[in-house]
Amino acid sequence: MTSKLKIRVIKKGESKPVVKPAESENRSKRQAARDMVSNVTGWVSDLQTRKREETRLAFEQLFKANPQPTET
């Protein structure tokens, strides 16, 4: 344990404030909004597809080509 470790002391007034460009922030917000819209659009299309499939199956069962004798 005789290895030398570097210890850096940072005083309160010595740190530099981090300046972020406003343009990159706007782009990240835009990208986040696009991601959310894409996600919700996917949910809506999935829900519509499931409803269409369920409706199609219900109509196929309701109007079978060969009705059972008890259905007539």
C-alpha atoms as a PDB file:
ATOM      1  CA  MET A   1       0.000   0.000   0.000  1.00  0.00           C
ATOM      2  CA  THR A   2       2.887   2.334  -0.664  1.00  0.00           C
ATOM      3  CA  SER A   3       1.571   3.420  -4.068  1.00  0.00           C
ATOM      4  CA  LYS A   4       1.135   7.133  -4.486  1.00  0.00           C
ATOM      5  CA  LEU A   5      -2.428   8.264  -5.042  1.00  0.00           C
ATOM      6  CA  LYS A   6      -3.184  11.604  -6.593  1.00  0.00           C
ATOM      7  CA  ILE A   7      -5.697  13.606  -4.671  1.00  0.00           C
ATOM      8  CA  ARG A   8      -7.146  16.609  -6.389  1.00  0.00           C
ATOM      9  CA  VAL A   9      -8.658  19.315  -4.239  1.00  0.00           C
ATOM     10  CA  ILE A  10     -11.298  21.438  -5.943  1.00  0.00           C
ATOM     11  CA  LYS A  11     -12.149  24.676  -4.290  1.00  0.00           C
ATOM     12  CA  LYS A  12     -15.637  26.102  -4.399  1.00  0.00           C
ATOM     13  CA  GLY A  13     -14.940  28.997  -6.794  1.00  0.00           C
ATOM     14  CA  GLU A  14     -12.666  26.937  -9.031  1.00  0.00           C
ATOM     15  CA  SER A  15     -15.274  24.817 -10.872  1.00  0.00           C
ATOM     16  CA  LYS A  16     -16.512  26.016 -14.257  1.00  0.00           C
ATOM     17  CA  PRO A  17     -20.241  26.006 -14.973  1.00  0.00           C
ATOM     18  CA  VAL A  18     -21.254  23.603 -17.697  1.00  0.00           C
ATOM     19  CA  VAL A  19     -22.821  25.449 -20.613  1.00  0.00           C
ATOM     20  CA  LYS A  20     -25.032  23.397 -22.883  1.00  0.00           C
ATOM     21  CA  PRO A  21     -25.952  24.731 -26.274  1.00  0.00           C
ATOM     22  CA  ALA A  22     -29.668  25.440 -26.549  1.00  0.00           C
ATOM     23  CA  GLU A  23     -29.885  23.871 -29.990  1.00  0.00           C
ATOM     24  CA  SER A  24     -28.891  20.399 -28.808  1.00  0.00           C
ATOM     25  CA  GLU A  25     -31.434  20.631 -25.982  1.00  0.00           C
ATOM     26  CA  ASN A  26     -34.184  21.475 -28.466  1.00  0.00           C
ATOM     27  CA  ARG A  27     -33.160  18.597 -30.678  1.00  0.00           C
ATOM     28  CA  SER A  28     -33.199  16.178 -27.783  1.00  0.00           C
ATOM     29  CA  LYS A  29     -36.662  17.398 -26.780  1.00  0.00           C
ATOM     30  CA  ARG A  30     -37.807  17.004 -30.360  1.00  0.00           C
ATOM     31  CA  GLN A  31     -36.361  13.517 -30.536  1.00  0.00           C
ATOM     32  CA  ALA A  32     -38.031  12.575 -27.251  1.00  0.00           C
ATOM     33  CA  ALA A  33     -41.347  13.892 -28.561  1.00  0.00           C
ATOM     34  CA  ARG A  34     -40.908  11.936 -31.787  1.00  0.00           C
ATOM     35  CA  ASP A  35     -40.171   8.789 -29.819  1.00  0.00           C
ATOM     36  CA  MET A  36     -43.304   9.244 -27.719  1.00  0.00           C
ATOM     37  CA  VAL A  37     -45.464   9.868 -30.788  1.00  0.00           C
ATOM     38  CA  SER A  38     -44.003   6.822 -32.494  1.00  0.00           C
ATOM     39  CA  ASN A  39     -44.659   4.697 -29.409  1.00  0.00           C
ATOM     40  CA  VAL A  40     -48.275   5.815 -29.040  1.00  0.00           C
ATOM     41  CA  THR A  41     -48.864   5.402 -32.776  1.00  0.00           C
ATOM     42  CA  GLY A  42     -47.644   1.838 -32.482  1.00  0.00           C
ATOM     43  CA  TRP A  43     -50.028   1.183 -29.589  1.00  0.00           C
ATOM     44  CA  VAL A  44     -52.978   2.599 -31.519  1.00  0.00           C
ATOM     45  CA  SER A  45     -52.242   0.588 -34.653  1.00  0.00           C
ATOM     46  CA  ASP A  46     -51.804  -2.579 -32.559  1.00  0.00           C
ATOM     47  CA  LEU A  47     -55.146  -1.998 -30.824  1.00  0.00           C
ATOM     48  CA  GLN A  48     -56.904  -1.364 -34.148  1.00  0.00           C
ATOM     49  CA  THR A  49     -55.395  -4.507 -35.657  1.00  0.00           C
ATOM     50  CA  ARG A  50     -56.537  -6.630 -32.716  1.00  0.00           C
ATOM     51  CA  LYS A  51     -60.064  -5.197 -32.851  1.00  0.00           C
ATOM     52  CA  ARG A  52     -60.302  -5.796 -36.593  1.00  0.00           C
ATOM     53  CA  GLU A  53     -59.133  -9.391 -36.185  1.00  0.00           C
ATOM     54  CA  GLU A  54     -61.622 -10.043 -33.370  1.00  0.00           C
ATOM     55  CA  THR A  55     -64.454  -8.521 -35.390  1.00  0.00           C
ATOM     56  CA  ARG A  56     -63.541 -10.551 -38.472  1.00  0.00           C
ATOM     57  CA  LEU A  57     -63.509 -13.786 -36.470  1.00  0.00           C
ATOM     58  CA  ALA A  58     -66.847 -12.938 -34.860  1.00  0.00           C
ATOM     59  CA  PHE A  59     -68.475 -12.338 -38.266  1.00  0.00           C
ATOM     60  CA  GLU A  60     -67.000 -15.555 -39.659  1.00  0.00           C
ATOM     61  CA  GLN A  61     -68.447 -17.535 -36.772  1.00  0.00           C
ATOM     62  CA  LEU A  62     -71.790 -15.759 -37.033  1.00  0.00           C
ATOM     63  CA  PHE A  63     -72.207 -16.322 -40.760  1.00  0.00           C
ATOM     64  CA  LYS A  64     -70.788 -19.792 -41.338  1.00  0.00           C
ATOM     65  CA  ALA A  65     -71.222 -21.364 -44.771  1.00  0.00           C
ATOM     66  CA  ASN A  66     -72.727 -24.553 -43.335  1.00  0.00           C
ATOM     67  CA  PRO A  67     -75.113 -23.738 -40.476  1.00  0.00           C
ATOM     68  CA  GLN A  68     -75.793 -26.357 -37.857  1.00  0.00           C
ATOM     69  CA  PRO A  69     -79.319 -27.881 -37.814  1.00  0.00           C
ATOM     70  CA  THR A  70     -80.025 -26.238 -34.464  1.00  0.00           C
ATOM     71  CA  GLU A  71     -79.140 -22.781 -35.820  1.00  0.00           C
ATOM     72  CA  THR A  72     -81.851 -22.699 -38.527  1.00  0.00           C
END
